[in-house]
C-alpha atoms as a PDB file:
ATOM      1  CA  MET A   1      21.217 -22.821   7.494  1.00  0.00           C
ATOM      2  CA  LYS A   2      20.724 -25.178   4.364  1.00  0.00           C
ATOM      3  CA  LYS A   3      23.189 -28.227   3.642  1.00  0.00           C
ATOM      4  CA  ARG A   4      22.575 -31.028   2.078  1.00  0.00           C
ATOM      5  CA  ARG A   5      22.008 -34.013   3.890  1.00  0.00           C
ATOM      6  CA  THR A   6      21.698 -38.175   2.647  1.00  0.00           C
ATOM      7  CA  PHE A   7      18.114 -39.518   3.883  1.00  0.00           C
ATOM      8  CA  LYS A   8      17.506 -43.149   3.253  1.00  0.00           C
ATOM      9  CA  CYS A   9      13.986 -44.192   3.273  1.00  0.00           C
ATOM     10  CA  TRP A  10      11.731 -46.183   4.983  1.00  0.00           C
ATOM     11  CA  ASN A  11      10.395 -47.497   2.541  1.00  0.00           C
ATOM     12  CA  CYS A  12      12.152 -48.422  -0.763  1.00  0.00           C
ATOM     13  CA  HIS A  13      15.840 -48.045   0.351  1.00  0.00           C
ATOM     14  CA  ARG A  14      17.420 -45.771  -1.606  1.00  0.00           C
ATOM     15  CA  PRO A  15      19.700 -43.513  -0.398  1.00  0.00           C
ATOM     16  CA  TYR A  16      18.739 -39.473  -1.668  1.00  0.00           C
ATOM     17  CA  SER A  17      19.916 -36.461  -0.707  1.00  0.00           C
ATOM     18  CA  LEU A  18      17.795 -33.414   0.093  1.00  0.00           C
ATOM     19  CA  PHE A  19      19.752 -29.497   0.299  1.00  0.00           C
ATOM     20  CA  GLN A  20      17.879 -28.981   3.535  1.00  0.00           C
ATOM     21  CA  GLU A  21      17.652 -26.931   6.868  1.00  0.00           C
ATOM     22  CA  ILE A  22      17.697 -28.225  10.004  1.00  0.00           C
ATOM     23  CA  THR A  23      15.762 -26.075  12.550  1.00  0.00           C
ATOM     24  CA  ASN A  24      14.619 -26.591  16.577  1.00  0.00           C
ATOM     25  CA  GLN A  25      11.325 -28.827  15.691  1.00  0.00           C
ATOM     26  CA  GLN A  26      11.578 -32.845  16.660  1.00  0.00           C
ATOM     27  CA  VAL A  27      11.093 -33.767  13.703  1.00  0.00           C
ATOM     28  CA  LEU A  28      11.853 -32.817  10.233  1.00  0.00           C
ATOM     29  CA  ILE A  29       9.714 -34.089   7.114  1.00  0.00           C
ATOM     30  CA  VAL A  30      11.298 -35.403   4.855  1.00  0.00           C
ATOM     31  CA  PRO A  31       9.640 -36.849   1.199  1.00  0.00           C
ATOM     32  CA  CYS A  32      11.197 -39.046  -0.723  1.00  0.00           C
ATOM     33  CA  PRO A  33      12.192 -38.125  -4.699  1.00  0.00           C
ATOM     34  CA  PHE A  34      11.839 -42.240  -5.767  1.00  0.00           C
ATOM     35  CA  CYS A  35       8.797 -43.643  -4.063  1.00  0.00           C
ATOM     36  CA  ASN A  36       7.317 -40.460  -3.336  1.00  0.00           C
ATOM     37  CA  ALA A  37       6.136 -41.394   0.416  1.00  0.00           C
ATOM     38  CA  GLU A  38       7.256 -39.325   3.070  1.00  0.00           C
ATOM     39  CA  ALA A  39       9.698 -39.647   5.782  1.00  0.00           C
ATOM     40  CA  VAL A  40       9.896 -38.558   9.288  1.00  0.00           C
ATOM     41  CA  VAL A  41      13.320 -38.305  10.872  1.00  0.00           C
ATOM     42  CA  LYS A  42      13.454 -37.738  14.292  1.00  0.00           C
ATOM     43  CA  LEU A  43      16.344 -35.229  15.109  1.00  0.00           C
ATOM     44  CA  GLU A  44      16.817 -35.880  19.144  1.00  0.00           C
ATOM     45  CA  PRO A  45      18.612 -38.777  19.076  1.00  0.00           C
ATOM     46  CA  TYR A  46      20.724 -36.534  16.876  1.00  0.00           C
ATOM     47  CA  LYS A  47      21.370 -33.475  19.411  1.00  0.00           C
ATOM     48  CA  LYS A  48      24.678 -33.138  21.515  1.00  0.00           C
ATOM     49  CA  GLU A  49      25.197 -30.852  24.220  1.00  0.00           C
ATOM     50  CA  LYS A  50      28.087 -28.113  23.160  1.00  0.00           C
ATOM     51  CA  LYS A  51      30.081 -26.774  25.928  1.00  0.00           C
ATOM     52  CA  SER A  52      32.407 -23.419  25.210  1.00  0.00           C
ATOM     53  CA  ILE A  53      34.479 -22.936  28.041  1.00  0.00           C
ATOM     54  CA  VAL A  54      35.215 -18.768  27.986  1.00  0.00           C
ATOM     55  CA  ARG A  55      38.529 -17.595  29.904  1.00  0.00           C
ATOM     56  CA  GLY A  56      38.772 -14.900  31.950  1.00  0.00           C
ATOM     57  CA  GLU A  57      38.102 -13.381  34.901  1.00  0.00           C
ATOM     58  CA  GLY A  58      36.065 -15.200  37.410  1.00  0.00           C
ATOM     59  CA  ASP A  59      35.499 -19.585  37.770  1.00  0.00           C
ATOM     60  CA  GLY A  60      35.145 -20.030  33.720  1.00  0.00           C
ATOM     61  CA  GLU A  61      31.644 -20.363  33.480  1.00  0.00           C
ATOM     62  CA  ALA A  62      30.324 -22.211  30.438  1.00  0.00           C
ATOM     63  CA  SER A  63      28.330 -21.364  28.253  1.00  0.00           C
ATOM     64  CA  LEU A  64      25.420 -24.419  26.893  1.00  0.00           C
ATOM     65  CA  GLY A  65      24.523 -25.327  23.442  1.00  0.00           C
ATOM     66  CA  TYR A  66      23.864 -27.431  21.697  1.00  0.00           C
ATOM     67  CA  GLU A  67      24.562 -28.882  17.615  1.00  0.00           C
ATOM     68  CA  TYR A  68      23.309 -31.935  15.392  1.00  0.00           C
ATOM     69  CA  GLN A  69      25.940 -35.073  14.801  1.00  0.00           C
ATOM     70  CA  PHE A  70      24.207 -37.164  11.979  1.00  0.00           C
ATOM     71  CA  PRO A  71      25.837 -39.468   9.953  1.00  0.00           C
ATOM     72  CA  ASP A  72      26.557 -39.693   6.769  1.00  0.00           C
ATOM     73  CA  VAL A  73      23.087 -41.326   6.061  1.00  0.00           C
ATOM     74  CA  ILE A  74      19.907 -40.505   8.145  1.00  0.00           C
ATOM     75  CA  PRO A  75      17.651 -42.929   8.077  1.00  0.00           C
ATOM     76  CA  THR A  76      14.428 -41.781   8.279  1.00  0.00           C
ATOM     77  CA  GLN A  77      10.920 -43.964   9.857  1.00  0.00           C
ATOM     78  CA  LYS A  78       7.361 -44.169   8.612  1.00  0.00           C
ATOM     79  CA  PRO A  79       5.293 -41.720   9.998  1.00  0.00           C
ATOM     80  CA  GLU A  80       2.669 -42.705  12.508  1.00  0.00           C
END
């Protein structure tokens, strides 16, 4: 699902927003519209475990998954 996210450029330090889809990739590459610098966002620090408890017969087995919890402005890094 695509959402509008706000990023902060590692090069010019200006915030910008992009309509971006977050997938299961470990890094996200986002270009800065102001200085045209390519920026990298590592998604692993924002990945949080998600538990949902299902009630019913049995011992209440939990289904595990994950979701991303991003700050309001996502910092970017210089590509290696």
